[in-house]
Amino acid sequence: MFWIICAALTAAVGLAIMAPLMRARATAAQPAAAFDLRVYRDQLREVDRDLERGVISAEDAARLRTEIGRKVLEADRRLSQAAPEERTGAAFWPLACWPCCSWRR
């Protein structure tokens, strides 16, 4: 009974450690330029909302759209040049090999 409890606790701790690593791996797959594009598109929507509410003038809105449009083009260029990173399980090998290699020390 003792060993079953130990195995269950070890599995639970292993899952607790691996869950954030796997989540970080999924979110890190997007390059920073993709995040920048979302921010700039949101800024364009805010400019339209401010123009509709009368907070900014039409000339200011056109200037802001031009400036944000340049940033969108630059972020899109960076996104198209970014090569997708291939992630391997190299970071997890020390964890996988630790039980069988630690007894040799």
C-alpha atoms as a PDB file:
ATOM      1  CA  MET A   1       0.000   0.000   0.000  1.00  0.00           C
ATOM      2  CA  PHE A   2       2.877   2.337   0.840  1.00  0.00           C
ATOM      3  CA  TRP A   3       4.429   1.971  -2.607  1.00  0.00           C
ATOM      4  CA  ILE A   4       1.141   2.653  -4.373  1.00  0.00           C
ATOM      5  CA  ILE A   5       0.750   5.901  -2.444  1.00  0.00           C
ATOM      6  CA  CYS A   6       4.370   6.859  -3.226  1.00  0.00           C
ATOM      7  CA  ALA A   7       3.858   6.156  -6.927  1.00  0.00           C
ATOM      8  CA  ALA A   8       0.626   8.183  -6.994  1.00  0.00           C
ATOM      9  CA  LEU A   9       2.288  11.133  -5.234  1.00  0.00           C
ATOM     10  CA  THR A  10       5.263  10.963  -7.585  1.00  0.00           C
ATOM     11  CA  ALA A  11       2.954  10.986 -10.599  1.00  0.00           C
ATOM     12  CA  ALA A  12       0.974  13.916  -9.195  1.00  0.00           C
ATOM     13  CA  VAL A  13       4.128  15.944  -8.545  1.00  0.00           C
ATOM     14  CA  GLY A  14       5.446  15.068 -12.005  1.00  0.00           C
ATOM     15  CA  LEU A  15       2.236  16.270 -13.617  1.00  0.00           C
ATOM     16  CA  ALA A  16       2.293  19.452 -11.534  1.00  0.00           C
ATOM     17  CA  ILE A  17       5.815  20.174 -12.739  1.00  0.00           C
ATOM     18  CA  MET A  18       5.191  19.283 -16.378  1.00  0.00           C
ATOM     19  CA  ALA A  19       1.887  21.176 -16.825  1.00  0.00           C
ATOM     20  CA  PRO A  20       3.412  24.709 -16.765  1.00  0.00           C
ATOM     21  CA  LEU A  21       6.264  23.572 -19.007  1.00  0.00           C
ATOM     22  CA  MET A  22       3.873  22.213 -21.603  1.00  0.00           C
ATOM     23  CA  ARG A  23       1.672  25.320 -21.382  1.00  0.00           C
ATOM     24  CA  ALA A  24       4.677  27.615 -21.855  1.00  0.00           C
ATOM     25  CA  ARG A  25       5.735  25.549 -24.822  1.00  0.00           C
ATOM     26  CA  ALA A  26       2.348  26.039 -26.518  1.00  0.00           C
ATOM     27  CA  THR A  27       2.246  29.801 -25.942  1.00  0.00           C
ATOM     28  CA  ALA A  28       5.841  30.380 -26.978  1.00  0.00           C
ATOM     29  CA  ALA A  29       5.148  28.990 -30.436  1.00  0.00           C
ATOM     30  CA  GLN A  30       3.952  32.382 -31.694  1.00  0.00           C
ATOM     31  CA  PRO A  31       6.578  34.954 -32.596  1.00  0.00           C
ATOM     32  CA  ALA A  32       6.469  38.390 -31.007  1.00  0.00           C
ATOM     33  CA  ALA A  33       5.398  39.953 -34.307  1.00  0.00           C
ATOM     34  CA  ALA A  34       2.084  38.082 -34.139  1.00  0.00           C
ATOM     35  CA  PHE A  35       1.380  39.664 -30.772  1.00  0.00           C
ATOM     36  CA  ASP A  36       2.379  43.070 -32.168  1.00  0.00           C
ATOM     37  CA  LEU A  37      -0.093  42.656 -35.037  1.00  0.00           C
ATOM     38  CA  ARG A  38      -2.933  41.983 -32.601  1.00  0.00           C
ATOM     39  CA  VAL A  39      -2.009  45.083 -30.606  1.00  0.00           C
ATOM     40  CA  TYR A  40      -1.856  47.304 -33.692  1.00  0.00           C
ATOM     41  CA  ARG A  41      -5.215  46.022 -34.977  1.00  0.00           C
ATOM     42  CA  ASP A  42      -6.718  46.806 -31.604  1.00  0.00           C
ATOM     43  CA  GLN A  43      -5.223  50.296 -31.788  1.00  0.00           C
ATOM     44  CA  LEU A  44      -6.847  50.820 -35.189  1.00  0.00           C
ATOM     45  CA  ARG A  45     -10.220  49.862 -33.709  1.00  0.00           C
ATOM     46  CA  GLU A  46      -9.661  52.312 -30.855  1.00  0.00           C
ATOM     47  CA  VAL A  47      -8.888  55.098 -33.327  1.00  0.00           C
ATOM     48  CA  ASP A  48     -12.187  54.386 -35.102  1.00  0.00           C
ATOM     49  CA  ARG A  49     -14.065  54.411 -31.785  1.00  0.00           C
ATOM     50  CA  ASP A  50     -12.436  57.673 -30.733  1.00  0.00           C
ATOM     51  CA  LEU A  51     -13.324  59.242 -34.072  1.00  0.00           C
ATOM     52  CA  GLU A  52     -16.957  58.146 -33.738  1.00  0.00           C
ATOM     53  CA  ARG A  53     -17.177  59.574 -30.209  1.00  0.00           C
ATOM     54  CA  GLY A  54     -15.601  62.836 -31.344  1.00  0.00           C
ATOM     55  CA  VAL A  55     -12.552  62.551 -29.085  1.00  0.00           C
ATOM     56  CA  ILE A  56     -10.147  63.092 -31.987  1.00  0.00           C
ATOM     57  CA  SER A  57     -10.487  64.968 -35.249  1.00  0.00           C
ATOM     58  CA  ALA A  58     -10.579  63.371 -38.698  1.00  0.00           C
ATOM     59  CA  GLU A  59      -7.071  64.673 -39.475  1.00  0.00           C
ATOM     60  CA  ASP A  60      -5.681  63.142 -36.280  1.00  0.00           C
ATOM     61  CA  ALA A  61      -7.436  59.863 -37.028  1.00  0.00           C
ATOM     62  CA  ALA A  62      -5.932  59.755 -40.528  1.00  0.00           C
ATOM     63  CA  ARG A  63      -2.468  60.502 -39.137  1.00  0.00           C
ATOM     64  CA  LEU A  64      -2.827  57.806 -36.469  1.00  0.00           C
ATOM     65  CA  ARG A  65      -4.063  55.259 -39.011  1.00  0.00           C
ATOM     66  CA  THR A  66      -1.054  55.999 -41.210  1.00  0.00           C
ATOM     67  CA  GLU A  67       1.365  55.637 -38.318  1.00  0.00           C
ATOM     68  CA  ILE A  68      -0.240  52.417 -37.063  1.00  0.00           C
ATOM     69  CA  GLY A  69      -0.402  51.124 -40.641  1.00  0.00           C
ATOM     70  CA  ARG A  70       3.375  51.520 -40.945  1.00  0.00           C
ATOM     71  CA  LYS A  71       3.821  49.558 -37.746  1.00  0.00           C
ATOM     72  CA  VAL A  72       1.461  46.853 -39.030  1.00  0.00           C
ATOM     73  CA  LEU A  73       3.477  46.543 -42.239  1.00  0.00           C
ATOM     74  CA  GLU A  74       6.740  46.285 -40.281  1.00  0.00           C
ATOM     75  CA  ALA A  75       5.306  43.655 -37.923  1.00  0.00           C
ATOM     76  CA  ASP A  76       3.915  41.713 -40.883  1.00  0.00           C
ATOM     77  CA  ARG A  77       7.328  41.815 -42.555  1.00  0.00           C
ATOM     78  CA  ARG A  78       8.976  40.495 -39.368  1.00  0.00           C
ATOM     79  CA  LEU A  79       6.323  37.799 -39.069  1.00  0.00           C
ATOM     80  CA  SER A  80       6.864  36.612 -42.634  1.00  0.00           C
ATOM     81  CA  GLN A  81      10.648  36.512 -42.130  1.00  0.00           C
ATOM     82  CA  ALA A  82      10.462  34.667 -38.836  1.00  0.00           C
ATOM     83  CA  ALA A  83      11.218  31.011 -39.338  1.00  0.00           C
ATOM     84  CA  PRO A  84       9.122  28.725 -37.186  1.00  0.00           C
ATOM     85  CA  GLU A  85      11.196  27.313 -34.362  1.00  0.00           C
ATOM     86  CA  GLU A  86      11.265  23.573 -34.158  1.00  0.00           C
ATOM     87  CA  ARG A  87      11.002  22.546 -30.581  1.00  0.00           C
ATOM     88  CA  THR A  88      12.279  19.201 -29.573  1.00  0.00           C
ATOM     89  CA  GLY A  89      11.987  17.365 -26.334  1.00  0.00           C
ATOM     90  CA  ALA A  90      15.643  18.083 -25.531  1.00  0.00           C
ATOM     91  CA  ALA A  91      14.688  19.985 -22.386  1.00  0.00           C
ATOM     92  CA  PHE A  92      12.859  16.973 -21.011  1.00  0.00           C
ATOM     93  CA  TRP A  93      15.650  14.404 -21.484  1.00  0.00           C
ATOM     94  CA  PRO A  94      17.375  15.268 -18.198  1.00  0.00           C
ATOM     95  CA  LEU A  95      14.095  14.655 -16.398  1.00  0.00           C
ATOM     96  CA  ALA A  96      13.522  11.386 -18.191  1.00  0.00           C
ATOM     97  CA  CYS A  97      17.072  10.110 -17.650  1.00  0.00           C
ATOM     98  CA  TRP A  98      17.473  11.251 -14.069  1.00  0.00           C
ATOM     99  CA  PRO A  99      16.025   8.144 -12.367  1.00  0.00           C
ATOM    100  CA  CYS A 100      18.172   5.694 -14.287  1.00  0.00           C
ATOM    101  CA  CYS A 101      21.363   7.778 -14.297  1.00  0.00           C
ATOM    102  CA  SER A 102      21.315   9.112 -10.751  1.00  0.00           C
ATOM    103  CA  TRP A 103      22.233   5.774  -9.177  1.00  0.00           C
ATOM    104  CA  ARG A 104      25.609   5.827 -10.982  1.00  0.00           C
ATOM    105  CA  ARG A 105      26.856   8.830  -9.039  1.00  0.00           C
END
